[in-house]
Amino acid sequence: MTFSLCHGARPVSAVDGHAHVFRHDLRFAEGRRHSPDFAALLADYLGLLDANGISHALLIQPSILGTDNTFFLASLVYIPG
């Protein structure tokens, strides 16, 4: 299964409507509610989607990173298409 940022590039089988990607070594925002000690990497997430036959997903900037979306935007570069 391949993933694309292009709307309509493939038929919709299922949609994950809310997911985050981050690394635990990033600078977290002040006043956050929690500090994960694990990573939620894009490659792992794409594998999970593929393994479960999910064709589309909506990635959301995690609140733990505040308004610094540098990692989030850099992750999107690695999505094929």
PDB file of N, CA and C in Angstrom:
ATOM      1  N   MET A   1       0.838  -1.165   0.000  1.00  0.00           N
ATOM      2  CA  MET A   1       0.000   0.000   0.000  1.00  0.00           C
ATOM      3  C   MET A   1       0.887   1.234   0.000  1.00  0.00           C
ATOM      4  N   THR A   2       0.528   2.234  -0.782  1.00  0.00           N
ATOM      5  CA  THR A   2       1.283   3.484  -0.793  1.00  0.00           C
ATOM      6  C   THR A   2       0.408   4.596  -0.258  1.00  0.00           C
ATOM      7  N   PHE A   3       1.041   5.651   0.229  1.00  0.00           N
ATOM      8  CA  PHE A   3       0.323   6.762   0.822  1.00  0.00           C
ATOM      9  C   PHE A   3       0.641   8.025   0.048  1.00  0.00           C
ATOM     10  N   SER A   4      -0.293   8.926  -0.028  1.00  0.00           N
ATOM     11  CA  SER A   4      -0.122  10.140  -0.811  1.00  0.00           C
ATOM     12  C   SER A   4      -0.746  11.319  -0.099  1.00  0.00           C
ATOM     13  N   LEU A   5      -0.172  12.495  -0.319  1.00  0.00           N
ATOM     14  CA  LEU A   5      -0.755  13.723   0.192  1.00  0.00           C
ATOM     15  C   LEU A   5      -1.809  14.264  -0.767  1.00  0.00           C
ATOM     16  N   CYS A   6      -1.954  13.654  -1.920  1.00  0.00           N
ATOM     17  CA  CYS A   6      -2.874  14.138  -2.940  1.00  0.00           C
ATOM     18  C   CYS A   6      -4.282  13.627  -2.681  1.00  0.00           C
ATOM     19  N   HIS A   7      -5.219  14.530  -2.492  1.00  0.00           N
ATOM     20  CA  HIS A   7      -6.611  14.153  -2.264  1.00  0.00           C
ATOM     21  C   HIS A   7      -7.148  13.436  -3.497  1.00  0.00           C
ATOM     22  N   GLY A   8      -7.839  12.343  -3.278  1.00  0.00           N
ATOM     23  CA  GLY A   8      -8.447  11.619  -4.380  1.00  0.00           C
ATOM     24  C   GLY A   8      -7.491  10.726  -5.147  1.00  0.00           C
ATOM     25  N   ALA A   9      -6.288  10.551  -4.651  1.00  0.00           N
ATOM     26  CA  ALA A   9      -5.295   9.756  -5.364  1.00  0.00           C
ATOM     27  C   ALA A   9      -5.605   8.266  -5.323  1.00  0.00           C
ATOM     28  N   ARG A  10      -6.435   7.841  -4.387  1.00  0.00           N
ATOM     29  CA  ARG A  10      -6.754   6.422  -4.246  1.00  0.00           C
ATOM     30  C   ARG A  10      -8.110   6.258  -3.578  1.00  0.00           C
ATOM     31  N   PRO A  11      -8.734   5.116  -3.779  1.00  0.00           N
ATOM     32  CA  PRO A  11     -10.025   4.888  -3.134  1.00  0.00           C
ATOM     33  C   PRO A  11      -9.882   4.858  -1.605  1.00  0.00           C
ATOM     34  N   VAL A  12     -10.909   5.292  -0.936  1.00  0.00           N
ATOM     35  CA  VAL A  12     -10.917   5.307   0.526  1.00  0.00           C
ATOM     36  C   VAL A  12     -11.447   3.973   1.037  1.00  0.00           C
ATOM     37  N   SER A  13     -10.609   3.269   1.818  1.00  0.00           N
ATOM     38  CA  SER A  13     -11.053   2.022   2.448  1.00  0.00           C
ATOM     39  C   SER A  13     -11.446   2.277   3.898  1.00  0.00           C
ATOM     40  N   ALA A  14     -10.684   3.129   4.561  1.00  0.00           N
ATOM     41  CA  ALA A  14     -10.939   3.515   5.951  1.00  0.00           C
ATOM     42  C   ALA A  14     -10.092   4.746   6.250  1.00  0.00           C
ATOM     43  N   VAL A  15     -10.511   5.528   7.245  1.00  0.00           N
ATOM     44  CA  VAL A  15      -9.805   6.757   7.605  1.00  0.00           C
ATOM     45  C   VAL A  15      -9.535   6.770   9.103  1.00  0.00           C
ATOM     46  N   ASP A  16      -8.284   7.027   9.477  1.00  0.00           N
ATOM     47  CA  ASP A  16      -7.941   7.291  10.875  1.00  0.00           C
ATOM     48  C   ASP A  16      -8.032   8.810  11.025  1.00  0.00           C
ATOM     49  N   GLY A  17      -8.957   9.282  11.822  1.00  0.00           N
ATOM     50  CA  GLY A  17      -9.254  10.700  11.900  1.00  0.00           C
ATOM     51  C   GLY A  17      -8.423  11.518  12.870  1.00  0.00           C
ATOM     52  N   HIS A  18      -7.457  10.912  13.565  1.00  0.00           N
ATOM     53  CA  HIS A  18      -6.672  11.690  14.530  1.00  0.00           C
ATOM     54  C   HIS A  18      -5.439  10.888  14.944  1.00  0.00           C
ATOM     55  N   ALA A  19      -4.279  11.375  14.558  1.00  0.00           N
ATOM     56  CA  ALA A  19      -3.028  10.709  14.942  1.00  0.00           C
ATOM     57  C   ALA A  19      -1.919  11.753  15.074  1.00  0.00           C
ATOM     58  N   HIS A  20      -0.897  11.411  15.846  1.00  0.00           N
ATOM     59  CA  HIS A  20       0.239  12.305  16.064  1.00  0.00           C
ATOM     60  C   HIS A  20       1.539  11.587  15.714  1.00  0.00           C
ATOM     61  N   VAL A  21       2.531  12.367  15.306  1.00  0.00           N
ATOM     62  CA  VAL A  21       3.895  11.850  15.167  1.00  0.00           C
ATOM     63  C   VAL A  21       4.814  12.763  15.983  1.00  0.00           C
ATOM     64  N   PHE A  22       5.761  12.146  16.689  1.00  0.00           N
ATOM     65  CA  PHE A  22       6.710  12.905  17.498  1.00  0.00           C
ATOM     66  C   PHE A  22       7.836  11.977  17.942  1.00  0.00           C
ATOM     67  N   ARG A  23       8.892  12.584  18.447  1.00  0.00           N
ATOM     68  CA  ARG A  23       9.984  11.848  19.097  1.00  0.00           C
ATOM     69  C   ARG A  23      10.045  12.329  20.544  1.00  0.00           C
ATOM     70  N   HIS A  24      10.449  11.438  21.438  1.00  0.00           N
ATOM     71  CA  HIS A  24      10.500  11.813  22.851  1.00  0.00           C
ATOM     72  C   HIS A  24      11.664  12.741  23.188  1.00  0.00           C
ATOM     73  N   ASP A  25      12.608  12.900  22.265  1.00  0.00           N
ATOM     74  CA  ASP A  25      13.756  13.768  22.531  1.00  0.00           C
ATOM     75  C   ASP A  25      13.567  15.187  21.984  1.00  0.00           C
ATOM     76  N   LEU A  26      12.380  15.508  21.491  1.00  0.00           N
ATOM     77  CA  LEU A  26      12.107  16.862  21.020  1.00  0.00           C
ATOM     78  C   LEU A  26      11.854  17.786  22.205  1.00  0.00           C
ATOM     79  N   ARG A  27      11.974  19.075  21.967  1.00  0.00           N
ATOM     80  CA  ARG A  27      11.699  20.045  23.037  1.00  0.00           C
ATOM     81  C   ARG A  27      10.184  20.179  23.197  1.00  0.00           C
ATOM     82  N   PHE A  28       9.686  19.802  24.353  1.00  0.00           N
ATOM     83  CA  PHE A  28       8.258  19.851  24.625  1.00  0.00           C
ATOM     84  C   PHE A  28       7.855  21.238  25.117  1.00  0.00           C
ATOM     85  N   ALA A  29       6.617  21.577  24.891  1.00  0.00           N
ATOM     86  CA  ALA A  29       6.082  22.882  25.274  1.00  0.00           C
ATOM     87  C   ALA A  29       5.976  23.012  26.792  1.00  0.00           C
ATOM     88  N   GLU A  30       6.157  24.225  27.270  1.00  0.00           N
ATOM     89  CA  GLU A  30       5.937  24.520  28.695  1.00  0.00           C
ATOM     90  C   GLU A  30       4.461  24.297  29.012  1.00  0.00           C
ATOM     91  N   GLY A  31       4.158  23.820  30.193  1.00  0.00           N
ATOM     92  CA  GLY A  31       2.788  23.660  30.634  1.00  0.00           C
ATOM     93  C   GLY A  31       2.028  22.495  30.009  1.00  0.00           C
ATOM     94  N   ARG A  32       2.749  21.602  29.352  1.00  0.00           N
ATOM     95  CA  ARG A  32       2.073  20.447  28.727  1.00  0.00           C
ATOM     96  C   ARG A  32       1.497  19.535  29.811  1.00  0.00           C
ATOM     97  N   ARG A  33       0.511  18.735  29.420  1.00  0.00           N
ATOM     98  CA  ARG A  33      -0.151  17.838  30.375  1.00  0.00           C
ATOM     99  C   ARG A  33       0.635  16.565  30.632  1.00  0.00           C
ATOM    100  N   HIS A  34       1.475  16.148  29.684  1.00  0.00           N
ATOM    101  CA  HIS A  34       2.273  14.936  29.870  1.00  0.00           C
ATOM    102  C   HIS A  34       3.541  15.016  29.033  1.00  0.00           C
ATOM    103  N   SER A  35       4.487  14.146  29.338  1.00  0.00           N
ATOM    104  CA  SER A  35       5.760  14.075  28.626  1.00  0.00           C
ATOM    105  C   SER A  35       6.028  12.630  28.237  1.00  0.00           C
ATOM    106  N   PRO A  36       5.651  12.228  27.036  1.00  0.00           N
ATOM    107  CA  PRO A  36       5.847  10.829  26.638  1.00  0.00           C
ATOM    108  C   PRO A  36       7.322  10.443  26.644  1.00  0.00           C
ATOM    109  N   ASP A  37       7.586   9.210  27.043  1.00  0.00           N
ATOM    110  CA  ASP A  37       8.955   8.688  27.039  1.00  0.00           C
ATOM    111  C   ASP A  37       9.140   7.687  25.897  1.00  0.00           C
ATOM    112  N   PHE A  38       8.338   7.842  24.855  1.00  0.00           N
ATOM    113  CA  PHE A  38       8.404   6.971  23.685  1.00  0.00           C
ATOM    114  C   PHE A  38       8.276   7.828  22.436  1.00  0.00           C
ATOM    115  N   ALA A  39       8.567   7.240  21.305  1.00  0.00           N
ATOM    116  CA  ALA A  39       8.440   7.944  20.027  1.00  0.00           C
ATOM    117  C   ALA A  39       7.232   7.411  19.269  1.00  0.00           C
ATOM    118  N   ALA A  40       6.599   8.293  18.522  1.00  0.00           N
ATOM    119  CA  ALA A  40       5.515   7.914  17.618  1.00  0.00           C
ATOM    120  C   ALA A  40       5.976   8.353  16.228  1.00  0.00           C
ATOM    121  N   LEU A  41       6.719   7.477  15.580  1.00  0.00           N
ATOM    122  CA  LEU A  41       7.372   7.831  14.318  1.00  0.00           C
ATOM    123  C   LEU A  41       6.472   7.593  13.114  1.00  0.00           C
ATOM    124  N   LEU A  42       6.650   8.410  12.097  1.00  0.00           N
ATOM    125  CA  LEU A  42       5.830   8.322  10.904  1.00  0.00           C
ATOM    126  C   LEU A  42       5.956   6.961  10.228  1.00  0.00           C
ATOM    127  N   ALA A  43       7.157   6.429  10.108  1.00  0.00           N
ATOM    128  CA  ALA A  43       7.343   5.129   9.451  1.00  0.00           C
ATOM    129  C   ALA A  43       6.555   4.037  10.166  1.00  0.00           C
ATOM    130  N   ASP A  44       6.559   4.061  11.480  1.00  0.00           N
ATOM    131  CA  ASP A  44       5.793   3.078  12.252  1.00  0.00           C
ATOM    132  C   ASP A  44       4.291   3.261  12.031  1.00  0.00           C
ATOM    133  N   TYR A  45       3.866   4.507  12.008  1.00  0.00           N
ATOM    134  CA  TYR A  45       2.449   4.793  11.807  1.00  0.00           C
ATOM    135  C   TYR A  45       1.975   4.348  10.419  1.00  0.00           C
ATOM    136  N   LEU A  46       2.763   4.644   9.394  1.00  0.00           N
ATOM    137  CA  LEU A  46       2.393   4.215   8.041  1.00  0.00           C
ATOM    138  C   LEU A  46       2.314   2.697   7.958  1.00  0.00           C
ATOM    139  N   GLY A  47       3.207   2.005   8.646  1.00  0.00           N
ATOM    140  CA  GLY A  47       3.159   0.543   8.694  1.00  0.00           C
ATOM    141  C   GLY A  47       1.898   0.042   9.371  1.00  0.00           C
ATOM    142  N   LEU A  48       1.488   0.728  10.430  1.00  0.00           N
ATOM    143  CA  LEU A  48       0.262   0.370  11.142  1.00  0.00           C
ATOM    144  C   LEU A  48      -0.974   0.565  10.253  1.00  0.00           C
ATOM    145  N   LEU A  49      -0.991   1.675   9.527  1.00  0.00           N
ATOM    146  CA  LEU A  49      -2.094   1.908   8.592  1.00  0.00           C
ATOM    147  C   LEU A  49      -2.151   0.800   7.547  1.00  0.00           C
ATOM    148  N   ASP A  50      -1.007   0.497   6.980  1.00  0.00           N
ATOM    149  CA  ASP A  50      -0.925  -0.531   5.949  1.00  0.00           C
ATOM    150  C   ASP A  50      -1.373  -1.892   6.482  1.00  0.00           C
ATOM    151  N   ALA A  51      -0.898  -2.252   7.653  1.00  0.00           N
ATOM    152  CA  ALA A  51      -1.235  -3.553   8.249  1.00  0.00           C
ATOM    153  C   ALA A  51      -2.728  -3.696   8.526  1.00  0.00           C
ATOM    154  N   ASN A  52      -3.404  -2.555   8.705  1.00  0.00           N
ATOM    155  CA  ASN A  52      -4.826  -2.585   9.033  1.00  0.00           C
ATOM    156  C   ASN A  52      -5.731  -2.158   7.875  1.00  0.00           C
ATOM    157  N   GLY A  53      -5.146  -2.008   6.697  1.00  0.00           N
ATOM    158  CA  GLY A  53      -5.934  -1.669   5.518  1.00  0.00           C
ATOM    159  C   GLY A  53      -6.565  -0.285   5.556  1.00  0.00           C
ATOM    160  N   ILE A  54      -5.912   0.636   6.238  1.00  0.00           N
ATOM    161  CA  ILE A  54      -6.423   2.003   6.336  1.00  0.00           C
ATOM    162  C   ILE A  54      -5.752   2.845   5.252  1.00  0.00           C
ATOM    163  N   SER A  55      -6.570   3.403   4.364  1.00  0.00           N
ATOM    164  CA  SER A  55      -6.036   4.107   3.198  1.00  0.00           C
ATOM    165  C   SER A  55      -5.741   5.582   3.442  1.00  0.00           C
ATOM    166  N   HIS A  56      -6.411   6.200   4.404  1.00  0.00           N
ATOM    167  CA  HIS A  56      -6.268   7.632   4.622  1.00  0.00           C
ATOM    168  C   HIS A  56      -6.179   7.940   6.123  1.00  0.00           C
ATOM    169  N   ALA A  57      -5.505   9.053   6.427  1.00  0.00           N
ATOM    170  CA  ALA A  57      -5.340   9.431   7.825  1.00  0.00           C
ATOM    171  C   ALA A  57      -5.167  10.942   7.934  1.00  0.00           C
ATOM    172  N   LEU A  58      -5.506  11.461   9.091  1.00  0.00           N
ATOM    173  CA  LEU A  58      -5.338  12.871   9.390  1.00  0.00           C
ATOM    174  C   LEU A  58      -4.327  12.990  10.522  1.00  0.00           C
ATOM    175  N   LEU A  59      -3.171  13.564  10.213  1.00  0.00           N
ATOM    176  CA  LEU A  59      -2.154  13.791  11.239  1.00  0.00           C
ATOM    177  C   LEU A  59      -2.393  15.156  11.868  1.00  0.00           C
ATOM    178  N   ILE A  60      -2.262  15.208  13.183  1.00  0.00           N
ATOM    179  CA  ILE A  60      -2.506  16.423  13.961  1.00  0.00           C
ATOM    180  C   ILE A  60      -1.230  16.783  14.721  1.00  0.00           C
ATOM    181  N   GLN A  61      -0.901  18.080  14.748  1.00  0.00           N
ATOM    182  CA  GLN A  61       0.230  18.552  15.547  1.00  0.00           C
ATOM    183  C   GLN A  61      -0.044  18.224  17.016  1.00  0.00           C
ATOM    184  N   PRO A  62       0.850  17.472  17.688  1.00  0.00           N
ATOM    185  CA  PRO A  62       0.604  17.148  19.097  1.00  0.00           C
ATOM    186  C   PRO A  62       0.773  18.376  19.995  1.00  0.00           C
ATOM    187  N   SER A  63      -0.107  18.520  20.970  1.00  0.00           N
ATOM    188  CA  SER A  63      -0.063  19.678  21.863  1.00  0.00           C
ATOM    189  C   SER A  63       1.227  19.719  22.679  1.00  0.00           C
ATOM    190  N   ILE A  64       1.859  18.569  22.889  1.00  0.00           N
ATOM    191  CA  ILE A  64       3.106  18.555  23.678  1.00  0.00           C
ATOM    192  C   ILE A  64       4.218  19.345  23.001  1.00  0.00           C
ATOM    193  N   LEU A  65       4.090  19.578  21.680  1.00  0.00           N
ATOM    194  CA  LEU A  65       5.106  20.351  20.960  1.00  0.00           C
ATOM    195  C   LEU A  65       4.716  21.816  20.817  1.00  0.00           C
ATOM    196  N   GLY A  66       3.583  22.191  21.367  1.00  0.00           N
ATOM    197  CA  GLY A  66       3.161  23.589  21.306  1.00  0.00           C
ATOM    198  C   GLY A  66       2.980  24.052  19.868  1.00  0.00           C
ATOM    199  N   THR A  67       3.485  25.240  19.578  1.00  0.00           N
ATOM    200  CA  THR A  67       3.340  25.804  18.239  1.00  0.00           C
ATOM    201  C   THR A  67       4.553  25.551  17.352  1.00  0.00           C
ATOM    202  N   ASP A  68       5.515  24.814  17.846  1.00  0.00           N
ATOM    203  CA  ASP A  68       6.693  24.472  17.027  1.00  0.00           C
ATOM    204  C   ASP A  68       6.350  23.246  16.185  1.00  0.00           C
ATOM    205  N   ASN A  69       6.004  23.469  14.933  1.00  0.00           N
ATOM    206  CA  ASN A  69       5.607  22.364  14.057  1.00  0.00           C
ATOM    207  C   ASN A  69       6.728  21.909  13.127  1.00  0.00           C
ATOM    208  N   THR A  70       7.973  22.211  13.476  1.00  0.00           N
ATOM    209  CA  THR A  70       9.123  21.857  12.650  1.00  0.00           C
ATOM    210  C   THR A  70       9.198  20.355  12.392  1.00  0.00           C
ATOM    211  N   PHE A  71       9.117  19.540  13.428  1.00  0.00           N
ATOM    212  CA  PHE A  71       9.206  18.088  13.259  1.00  0.00           C
ATOM    213  C   PHE A  71       8.011  17.569  12.467  1.00  0.00           C
ATOM    214  N   PHE A  72       6.828  18.082  12.774  1.00  0.00           N
ATOM    215  CA  PHE A  72       5.609  17.667  12.085  1.00  0.00           C
ATOM    216  C   PHE A  72       5.727  17.905  10.571  1.00  0.00           C
ATOM    217  N   LEU A  73       6.122  19.105  10.199  1.00  0.00           N
ATOM    218  CA  LEU A  73       6.255  19.434   8.780  1.00  0.00           C
ATOM    219  C   LEU A  73       7.365  18.626   8.109  1.00  0.00           C
ATOM    220  N   ALA A  74       8.461  18.423   8.813  1.00  0.00           N
ATOM    221  CA  ALA A  74       9.563  17.615   8.256  1.00  0.00           C
ATOM    222  C   ALA A  74       9.107  16.172   8.040  1.00  0.00           C
ATOM    223  N   SER A  75       8.258  15.666   8.889  1.00  0.00           N
ATOM    224  CA  SER A  75       7.750  14.293   8.736  1.00  0.00           C
ATOM    225  C   SER A  75       6.928  14.155   7.465  1.00  0.00           C
ATOM    226  N   LEU A  76       6.161  15.163   7.126  1.00  0.00           N
ATOM    227  CA  LEU A  76       5.311  15.084   5.936  1.00  0.00           C
ATOM    228  C   LEU A  76       6.095  14.920   4.648  1.00  0.00           C
ATOM    229  N   VAL A  77       7.319  15.379   4.647  1.00  0.00           N
ATOM    230  CA  VAL A  77       8.174  15.252   3.456  1.00  0.00           C
ATOM    231  C   VAL A  77       8.389  13.791   3.106  1.00  0.00           C
ATOM    232  N   TYR A  78       8.349  12.915   4.075  1.00  0.00           N
ATOM    233  CA  TYR A  78       8.646  11.494   3.861  1.00  0.00           C
ATOM    234  C   TYR A  78       7.439  10.675   3.424  1.00  0.00           C
ATOM    235  N   ILE A  79       6.272  11.302   3.277  1.00  0.00           N
ATOM    236  CA  ILE A  79       5.097  10.583   2.789  1.00  0.00           C
ATOM    237  C   ILE A  79       5.174  10.543   1.269  1.00  0.00           C
ATOM    238  N   PRO A  80       5.211   9.370   0.674  1.00  0.00           N
ATOM    239  CA  PRO A  80       5.294   9.263  -0.785  1.00  0.00           C
ATOM    240  C   PRO A  80       4.107   9.936  -1.466  1.00  0.00           C
ATOM    241  N   GLY A  81       4.369  10.501  -2.625  1.00  0.00           N
ATOM    242  CA  GLY A  81       3.283  11.074  -3.431  1.00  0.00           C
ATOM    243  C   GLY A  81       3.189  12.533  -3.263  1.00  0.00           C
TER     244      GLY A  81
END
